[in-house]
C-alpha cells in the first residue's frame, strides 16, 4: 500500500524577492498542493495560479486526481491518504465523490482517506514547505515558471516533482457528486456527520459503498452511495 499525506502551502506571490518595492506591486498569487509519499520519500508539487483556479475542494480534488494518475502508471493498487481536517478543502462530499470516481475508473483496488487529529496535523509536507521557503529567501521570482524552478531545486539530493496545472486539469467535483444518489445517510438511516469523519474507505469489490469511521478504533458505518432516496408520500 502506498501511504501519502498532502497539504496546501501558504500563498506564494509573484513578484517575490528582497526588494522592498515589491511590497507595493500588485501580486499574482500561486497555490501549491504538496503530496508526500511516505514509502518512497518522493514529494510532488501541484502548482496553479489564481487566474486558473482557487483554493477550494474542486482544486484539491483535481490535484489529487492528477497524483492518482501517476500512481496508476506505476501499477500502485492500494492508496492511503492522510490530511488535516479542513472542511472546505479535504473533508467533504466532493472529496468522497473523487474517491468514488477513482474506484470506478482506475485500476485502484482500495482507497482510504484518514484525517489527522486536531492539534496533531503536522506532517512531512511541513518540512517540504519549509525547504521551499528557505530556497526562495534570496531568490527573485517574477513568473510562475520561476516558482516551479525554485520548488524543483529546493531539495538537490531528491528533487521535488513539480506539475504545473493547466485549465483542462481542473474538474467540477461538485457537479460529479450529483451523480451519487445518496451521500448523506448511512445504513442505519443516520445523517452522515461530515465534520466528525476520521476515515473514509472505498473498495473495488464494492465500488458504490463508502465506509466511514468517526473514531479510528470504532466500527465502520456503510453509506450506500447509489441507493435511491425514499419518496415521502403526501
C-alpha atoms as a PDB file:
ATOM      1  CA  UNK A   1       0.000   0.000   0.000  1.00  0.00           C
ATOM      2  CA  UNK A   2       1.234   3.485  -0.852  1.00  0.00           C
ATOM      3  CA  UNK A   3       0.893   5.877   2.115  1.00  0.00           C
ATOM      4  CA  UNK A   4       0.577   9.530   1.178  1.00  0.00           C
ATOM      5  CA  UNK A   5      -0.009  12.792   3.013  1.00  0.00           C
ATOM      6  CA  UNK A   6      -0.960  16.089   1.403  1.00  0.00           C
ATOM      7  CA  UNK A   7      -1.326  19.705   2.400  1.00  0.00           C
ATOM      8  CA  UNK A   8      -1.748  23.133   0.837  1.00  0.00           C
ATOM      9  CA  UNK A   9       1.177  25.516   1.271  1.00  0.00           C
ATOM     10  CA  UNK A  10       0.671  29.147   2.205  1.00  0.00           C
ATOM     11  CA  UNK A  11       0.225  31.526  -0.732  1.00  0.00           C
ATOM     12  CA  UNK A  12       3.266  32.104  -2.951  1.00  0.00           C
ATOM     13  CA  UNK A  13       3.492  35.511  -4.637  1.00  0.00           C
ATOM     14  CA  UNK A  14       4.823  36.910  -7.898  1.00  0.00           C
ATOM     15  CA  UNK A  15       6.893  39.006  -7.813  1.00  0.00           C
ATOM     16  CA  UNK A  16       8.851  37.675  -4.850  1.00  0.00           C
ATOM     17  CA  UNK A  17      12.221  38.848  -3.593  1.00  0.00           C
ATOM     18  CA  UNK A  18      14.155  41.007  -1.146  1.00  0.00           C
ATOM     19  CA  UNK A  19      13.478  44.263  -2.994  1.00  0.00           C
ATOM     20  CA  UNK A  20      11.338  46.452  -0.758  1.00  0.00           C
ATOM     21  CA  UNK A  21       9.415  47.973  -3.680  1.00  0.00           C
ATOM     22  CA  UNK A  22       7.813  44.537  -4.339  1.00  0.00           C
ATOM     23  CA  UNK A  23       5.609  45.246  -1.334  1.00  0.00           C
ATOM     24  CA  UNK A  24       3.772  47.907  -3.351  1.00  0.00           C
ATOM     25  CA  UNK A  25       3.405  45.847  -6.528  1.00  0.00           C
ATOM     26  CA  UNK A  26       0.162  44.113  -7.371  1.00  0.00           C
ATOM     27  CA  UNK A  27       0.929  40.431  -6.855  1.00  0.00           C
ATOM     28  CA  UNK A  28      -0.176  37.240  -8.561  1.00  0.00           C
ATOM     29  CA  UNK A  29      -0.984  34.527  -6.018  1.00  0.00           C
ATOM     30  CA  UNK A  30       0.132  30.952  -6.577  1.00  0.00           C
ATOM     31  CA  UNK A  31      -1.176  27.891  -4.741  1.00  0.00           C
ATOM     32  CA  UNK A  32       0.910  24.784  -4.169  1.00  0.00           C
ATOM     33  CA  UNK A  33      -0.593  21.470  -3.072  1.00  0.00           C
ATOM     34  CA  UNK A  34       2.216  19.246  -1.821  1.00  0.00           C
ATOM     35  CA  UNK A  35       1.827  15.467  -1.838  1.00  0.00           C
ATOM     36  CA  UNK A  36       4.421  13.405   0.016  1.00  0.00           C
ATOM     37  CA  UNK A  37       4.850   9.648  -0.390  1.00  0.00           C
ATOM     38  CA  UNK A  38       5.836   8.189   2.971  1.00  0.00           C
ATOM     39  CA  UNK A  39       7.056   4.988   1.306  1.00  0.00           C
ATOM     40  CA  UNK A  40       9.333   6.409  -1.392  1.00  0.00           C
ATOM     41  CA  UNK A  41      10.049   9.818   0.227  1.00  0.00           C
ATOM     42  CA  UNK A  42       9.201  11.491  -3.073  1.00  0.00           C
ATOM     43  CA  UNK A  43       7.438  14.855  -2.847  1.00  0.00           C
ATOM     44  CA  UNK A  44       5.094  16.098  -5.553  1.00  0.00           C
ATOM     45  CA  UNK A  45       4.114  19.727  -6.046  1.00  0.00           C
ATOM     46  CA  UNK A  46       0.936  20.706  -7.913  1.00  0.00           C
ATOM     47  CA  UNK A  47       1.177  24.388  -8.732  1.00  0.00           C
ATOM     48  CA  UNK A  48      -1.502  26.754 -10.047  1.00  0.00           C
ATOM     49  CA  UNK A  49      -2.109  30.493 -10.032  1.00  0.00           C
ATOM     50  CA  UNK A  50      -5.181  32.470  -9.057  1.00  0.00           C
ATOM     51  CA  UNK A  51      -6.137  33.146 -12.675  1.00  0.00           C
ATOM     52  CA  UNK A  52      -6.600  29.385 -13.187  1.00  0.00           C
ATOM     53  CA  UNK A  53      -8.285  28.207 -10.018  1.00  0.00           C
ATOM     54  CA  UNK A  54      -8.966  28.955  -6.361  1.00  0.00           C
ATOM     55  CA  UNK A  55      -8.160  27.059  -3.156  1.00  0.00           C
ATOM     56  CA  UNK A  56     -11.350  25.048  -2.721  1.00  0.00           C
ATOM     57  CA  UNK A  57     -12.306  21.395  -2.789  1.00  0.00           C
ATOM     58  CA  UNK A  58     -12.557  21.214  -6.600  1.00  0.00           C
ATOM     59  CA  UNK A  59      -8.947  22.320  -6.959  1.00  0.00           C
ATOM     60  CA  UNK A  60      -7.729  19.982  -4.214  1.00  0.00           C
ATOM     61  CA  UNK A  61      -9.599  17.033  -5.753  1.00  0.00           C
ATOM     62  CA  UNK A  62      -8.253  17.831  -9.235  1.00  0.00           C
ATOM     63  CA  UNK A  63      -4.654  17.852  -7.973  1.00  0.00           C
ATOM     64  CA  UNK A  64      -5.214  14.570  -6.136  1.00  0.00           C
ATOM     65  CA  UNK A  65      -6.676  13.050  -9.301  1.00  0.00           C
ATOM     66  CA  UNK A  66      -3.517  14.096 -11.145  1.00  0.00           C
ATOM     67  CA  UNK A  67      -1.470  12.328  -8.471  1.00  0.00           C
ATOM     68  CA  UNK A  68      -3.597   9.178  -8.671  1.00  0.00           C
ATOM     69  CA  UNK A  69      -2.951   9.003 -12.414  1.00  0.00           C
ATOM     70  CA  UNK A  70       0.785   8.955 -11.700  1.00  0.00           C
ATOM     71  CA  UNK A  71       0.328   6.055  -9.273  1.00  0.00           C
ATOM     72  CA  UNK A  72      -1.694   4.037 -11.778  1.00  0.00           C
ATOM     73  CA  UNK A  73       1.195   4.360 -14.218  1.00  0.00           C
ATOM     74  CA  UNK A  74       3.455   2.550 -11.707  1.00  0.00           C
ATOM     75  CA  UNK A  75       0.764  -0.065 -11.015  1.00  0.00           C
ATOM     76  CA  UNK A  76       0.025   1.007  -7.461  1.00  0.00           C
ATOM     77  CA  UNK A  77      -3.215  -0.732  -6.394  1.00  0.00           C
ATOM     78  CA  UNK A  78      -3.733   0.430  -2.810  1.00  0.00           C
ATOM     79  CA  UNK A  79      -3.618   4.042  -1.636  1.00  0.00           C
ATOM     80  CA  UNK A  80      -3.938   5.579   1.824  1.00  0.00           C
ATOM     81  CA  UNK A  81      -4.155   9.356   2.128  1.00  0.00           C
ATOM     82  CA  UNK A  82      -3.622  11.479   5.242  1.00  0.00           C
ATOM     83  CA  UNK A  83      -4.661  15.113   5.575  1.00  0.00           C
ATOM     84  CA  UNK A  84      -5.805  17.759   8.019  1.00  0.00           C
ATOM     85  CA  UNK A  85      -9.466  18.427   8.798  1.00  0.00           C
ATOM     86  CA  UNK A  86     -10.168  21.467   6.621  1.00  0.00           C
ATOM     87  CA  UNK A  87     -13.812  21.049   5.635  1.00  0.00           C
ATOM     88  CA  UNK A  88     -13.625  23.398   2.669  1.00  0.00           C
ATOM     89  CA  UNK A  89     -10.739  21.514   1.064  1.00  0.00           C
ATOM     90  CA  UNK A  90     -10.332  17.971   2.373  1.00  0.00           C
ATOM     91  CA  UNK A  91     -13.263  16.665   4.399  1.00  0.00           C
ATOM     92  CA  UNK A  92     -16.465  16.906   2.382  1.00  0.00           C
ATOM     93  CA  UNK A  93     -18.731  15.021   0.000  1.00  0.00           C
ATOM     94  CA  UNK A  94     -16.865  16.315  -3.040  1.00  0.00           C
ATOM     95  CA  UNK A  95     -13.659  14.546  -2.000  1.00  0.00           C
ATOM     96  CA  UNK A  96     -15.798  11.456  -1.398  1.00  0.00           C
ATOM     97  CA  UNK A  97     -17.092  11.828  -4.978  1.00  0.00           C
ATOM     98  CA  UNK A  98     -13.470  11.931  -6.162  1.00  0.00           C
ATOM     99  CA  UNK A  99     -12.619   8.594  -4.496  1.00  0.00           C
ATOM    100  CA  UNK A 100     -15.852   7.047  -5.786  1.00  0.00           C
ATOM    101  CA  UNK A 101     -14.902   8.173  -9.301  1.00  0.00           C
ATOM    102  CA  UNK A 102     -11.346   6.817  -8.936  1.00  0.00           C
ATOM    103  CA  UNK A 103     -12.530   3.400  -7.736  1.00  0.00           C
ATOM    104  CA  UNK A 104     -14.860   3.144 -10.730  1.00  0.00           C
ATOM    105  CA  UNK A 105     -12.466   4.383 -13.409  1.00  0.00           C
ATOM    106  CA  UNK A 106      -8.908   3.432 -12.419  1.00  0.00           C
ATOM    107  CA  UNK A 107      -7.031   0.239 -11.675  1.00  0.00           C
ATOM    108  CA  UNK A 108      -7.056   1.024  -7.959  1.00  0.00           C
ATOM    109  CA  UNK A 109      -8.336  -1.692  -5.599  1.00  0.00           C
ATOM    110  CA  UNK A 110      -8.648   0.240  -2.326  1.00  0.00           C
ATOM    111  CA  UNK A 111      -8.547   3.844  -1.161  1.00  0.00           C
ATOM    112  CA  UNK A 112      -8.511   5.046   2.432  1.00  0.00           C
ATOM    113  CA  UNK A 113      -8.574   8.693   3.447  1.00  0.00           C
ATOM    114  CA  UNK A 114      -7.638   9.328   7.076  1.00  0.00           C
ATOM    115  CA  UNK A 115      -7.943  12.669   8.841  1.00  0.00           C
ATOM    116  CA  UNK A 116      -5.342  13.551  11.447  1.00  0.00           C
ATOM    117  CA  UNK A 117      -6.412  14.519  14.951  1.00  0.00           C
ATOM    118  CA  UNK A 118      -6.891  18.242  15.508  1.00  0.00           C
ATOM    119  CA  UNK A 119      -3.725  19.608  17.079  1.00  0.00           C
ATOM    120  CA  UNK A 120      -1.661  16.758  15.640  1.00  0.00           C
ATOM    121  CA  UNK A 121      -1.793  17.582  11.935  1.00  0.00           C
ATOM    122  CA  UNK A 122       1.917  18.275  11.473  1.00  0.00           C
ATOM    123  CA  UNK A 123       3.288  16.039   8.729  1.00  0.00           C
ATOM    124  CA  UNK A 124       6.114  15.695   6.202  1.00  0.00           C
ATOM    125  CA  UNK A 125       4.629  18.384   3.985  1.00  0.00           C
ATOM    126  CA  UNK A 126       5.504  20.972   6.621  1.00  0.00           C
ATOM    127  CA  UNK A 127       9.158  20.088   6.045  1.00  0.00           C
ATOM    128  CA  UNK A 128       8.642  20.328   2.276  1.00  0.00           C
ATOM    129  CA  UNK A 129       7.104  23.792   2.620  1.00  0.00           C
ATOM    130  CA  UNK A 130       9.869  24.965   4.972  1.00  0.00           C
ATOM    131  CA  UNK A 131      12.509  23.762   2.494  1.00  0.00           C
ATOM    132  CA  UNK A 132      10.812  25.669  -0.336  1.00  0.00           C
ATOM    133  CA  UNK A 133      10.628  28.822   1.782  1.00  0.00           C
ATOM    134  CA  UNK A 134      14.337  28.608   2.652  1.00  0.00           C
ATOM    135  CA  UNK A 135      15.245  28.137  -1.011  1.00  0.00           C
ATOM    136  CA  UNK A 136      13.183  31.180  -2.001  1.00  0.00           C
ATOM    137  CA  UNK A 137      14.564  33.627   0.570  1.00  0.00           C
ATOM    138  CA  UNK A 138      17.286  35.017  -1.684  1.00  0.00           C
ATOM    139  CA  UNK A 139      15.601  34.245  -4.985  1.00  0.00           C
ATOM    140  CA  UNK A 140      13.951  36.852  -7.176  1.00  0.00           C
ATOM    141  CA  UNK A 141      10.821  35.351  -8.709  1.00  0.00           C
ATOM    142  CA  UNK A 142       8.840  37.161 -11.379  1.00  0.00           C
ATOM    143  CA  UNK A 143       6.800  34.405 -13.059  1.00  0.00           C
ATOM    144  CA  UNK A 144       5.032  31.159 -12.067  1.00  0.00           C
ATOM    145  CA  UNK A 145       7.575  29.241 -14.147  1.00  0.00           C
ATOM    146  CA  UNK A 146      10.359  30.581 -11.945  1.00  0.00           C
ATOM    147  CA  UNK A 147       8.489  29.362  -8.867  1.00  0.00           C
ATOM    148  CA  UNK A 148       8.411  25.901 -10.455  1.00  0.00           C
ATOM    149  CA  UNK A 149      12.191  26.038 -10.821  1.00  0.00           C
ATOM    150  CA  UNK A 150      12.670  27.186  -7.208  1.00  0.00           C
ATOM    151  CA  UNK A 151      10.481  24.356  -5.901  1.00  0.00           C
ATOM    152  CA  UNK A 152      12.086  21.705  -8.117  1.00  0.00           C
ATOM    153  CA  UNK A 153      15.603  22.581  -6.944  1.00  0.00           C
ATOM    154  CA  UNK A 154      14.800  23.254  -3.272  1.00  0.00           C
ATOM    155  CA  UNK A 155      15.993  19.756  -2.284  1.00  0.00           C
ATOM    156  CA  UNK A 156      19.024  18.958  -4.507  1.00  0.00           C
ATOM    157  CA  UNK A 157      19.580  15.373  -3.344  1.00  0.00           C
ATOM    158  CA  UNK A 158      15.986  14.302  -4.083  1.00  0.00           C
ATOM    159  CA  UNK A 159      14.314  16.996  -6.233  1.00  0.00           C
ATOM    160  CA  UNK A 160      10.640  17.701  -5.796  1.00  0.00           C
ATOM    161  CA  UNK A 161       8.465  16.662  -8.738  1.00  0.00           C
ATOM    162  CA  UNK A 162       6.631  19.780  -9.919  1.00  0.00           C
ATOM    163  CA  UNK A 163       3.479  19.698 -12.037  1.00  0.00           C
ATOM    164  CA  UNK A 164       2.130  22.967 -13.412  1.00  0.00           C
ATOM    165  CA  UNK A 165      -1.631  22.517 -13.504  1.00  0.00           C
ATOM    166  CA  UNK A 166      -3.429  23.562 -16.691  1.00  0.00           C
ATOM    167  CA  UNK A 167      -7.017  24.723 -17.061  1.00  0.00           C
ATOM    168  CA  UNK A 168      -8.084  21.374 -18.528  1.00  0.00           C
ATOM    169  CA  UNK A 169      -6.752  19.597 -15.421  1.00  0.00           C
ATOM    170  CA  UNK A 170      -9.490  21.032 -13.216  1.00  0.00           C
ATOM    171  CA  UNK A 171     -12.825  19.243 -12.855  1.00  0.00           C
ATOM    172  CA  UNK A 172     -16.141  20.107 -11.236  1.00  0.00           C
ATOM    173  CA  UNK A 173     -16.486  17.530  -8.468  1.00  0.00           C
ATOM    174  CA  UNK A 174     -19.452  19.396  -7.033  1.00  0.00           C
ATOM    175  CA  UNK A 175     -21.290  18.525 -10.219  1.00  0.00           C
ATOM    176  CA  UNK A 176     -19.941  14.975 -10.147  1.00  0.00           C
ATOM    177  CA  UNK A 177     -21.297  14.480  -6.629  1.00  0.00           C
ATOM    178  CA  UNK A 178     -24.789  14.906  -8.070  1.00  0.00           C
ATOM    179  CA  UNK A 179     -24.301  11.554  -9.837  1.00  0.00           C
ATOM    180  CA  UNK A 180     -24.265   9.920  -6.409  1.00  0.00           C
ATOM    181  CA  UNK A 181     -27.814   9.215  -5.246  1.00  0.00           C
ATOM    182  CA  UNK A 182     -27.090   9.033  -1.527  1.00  0.00           C
ATOM    183  CA  UNK A 183     -24.081  10.542   0.193  1.00  0.00           C
ATOM    184  CA  UNK A 184     -25.626  11.913   3.389  1.00  0.00           C
ATOM    185  CA  UNK A 185     -27.349   8.922   5.065  1.00  0.00           C
ATOM    186  CA  UNK A 186     -25.691   5.774   6.419  1.00  0.00           C
ATOM    187  CA  UNK A 187     -27.044   2.205   6.536  1.00  0.00           C
ATOM    188  CA  UNK A 188     -28.836   2.900   9.834  1.00  0.00           C
ATOM    189  CA  UNK A 189     -30.677   5.874   8.394  1.00  0.00           C
ATOM    190  CA  UNK A 190     -28.496   8.295  10.378  1.00  0.00           C
ATOM    191  CA  UNK A 191     -27.225  11.513   8.839  1.00  0.00           C
ATOM    192  CA  UNK A 192     -23.524  11.430   7.914  1.00  0.00           C
ATOM    193  CA  UNK A 193     -21.593  13.764  10.223  1.00  0.00           C
ATOM    194  CA  UNK A 194     -19.046  15.107   7.755  1.00  0.00           C
ATOM    195  CA  UNK A 195     -17.246  17.307  10.278  1.00  0.00           C
ATOM    196  CA  UNK A 196     -16.593  14.304  12.527  1.00  0.00           C
ATOM    197  CA  UNK A 197     -15.404  11.728   9.974  1.00  0.00           C
ATOM    198  CA  UNK A 198     -11.974  10.297  10.765  1.00  0.00           C
ATOM    199  CA  UNK A 199     -11.744   7.665   7.996  1.00  0.00           C
ATOM    200  CA  UNK A 200     -13.307   7.172   4.554  1.00  0.00           C
ATOM    201  CA  UNK A 201     -12.728   3.864   2.739  1.00  0.00           C
ATOM    202  CA  UNK A 202     -13.566   2.687  -0.775  1.00  0.00           C
ATOM    203  CA  UNK A 203     -13.033  -0.726  -2.397  1.00  0.00           C
ATOM    204  CA  UNK A 204     -13.157  -2.049  -5.953  1.00  0.00           C
ATOM    205  CA  UNK A 205     -15.108  -5.078  -4.637  1.00  0.00           C
ATOM    206  CA  UNK A 206     -17.972  -2.812  -3.542  1.00  0.00           C
ATOM    207  CA  UNK A 207     -17.435   0.396  -5.518  1.00  0.00           C
ATOM    208  CA  UNK A 208     -20.735   2.001  -4.546  1.00  0.00           C
ATOM    209  CA  UNK A 209     -20.236   1.698  -0.799  1.00  0.00           C
ATOM    210  CA  UNK A 210     -18.373   4.270   1.287  1.00  0.00           C
ATOM    211  CA  UNK A 211     -17.257   3.068   4.701  1.00  0.00           C
ATOM    212  CA  UNK A 212     -16.758   5.728   7.337  1.00  0.00           C
ATOM    213  CA  UNK A 213     -15.475   5.937  10.902  1.00  0.00           C
ATOM    214  CA  UNK A 214     -15.943   8.727  13.408  1.00  0.00           C
ATOM    215  CA  UNK A 215     -13.121   7.356  15.589  1.00  0.00           C
ATOM    216  CA  UNK A 216     -10.082   5.368  14.489  1.00  0.00           C
ATOM    217  CA  UNK A 217     -10.919   2.432  16.766  1.00  0.00           C
ATOM    218  CA  UNK A 218     -14.689   2.232  16.199  1.00  0.00           C
ATOM    219  CA  UNK A 219     -16.718   0.058  13.832  1.00  0.00           C
ATOM    220  CA  UNK A 220     -17.304   1.230  10.291  1.00  0.00           C
ATOM    221  CA  UNK A 221     -20.627   2.502   9.018  1.00  0.00           C
ATOM    222  CA  UNK A 222     -21.635   1.913   5.404  1.00  0.00           C
ATOM    223  CA  UNK A 223     -23.083   4.547   3.115  1.00  0.00           C
ATOM    224  CA  UNK A 224     -24.748   3.033   0.053  1.00  0.00           C
ATOM    225  CA  UNK A 225     -23.925   5.719  -2.486  1.00  0.00           C
ATOM    226  CA  UNK A 226     -26.219   4.589  -5.281  1.00  0.00           C
ATOM    227  CA  UNK A 227     -29.216   3.816  -3.105  1.00  0.00           C
ATOM    228  CA  UNK A 228     -32.250   5.773  -4.221  1.00  0.00           C
ATOM    229  CA  UNK A 229     -33.704   8.033  -1.568  1.00  0.00           C
ATOM    230  CA  UNK A 230     -37.225   7.100  -0.485  1.00  0.00           C
ATOM    231  CA  UNK A 231     -40.022   9.285  -1.740  1.00  0.00           C
ATOM    232  CA  UNK A 232     -42.120  10.759   1.036  1.00  0.00           C
ATOM    233  CA  UNK A 233     -45.830  10.167   0.459  1.00  0.00           C
ATOM    234  CA  UNK A 234     -48.118  13.115   0.641  1.00  0.00           C
END
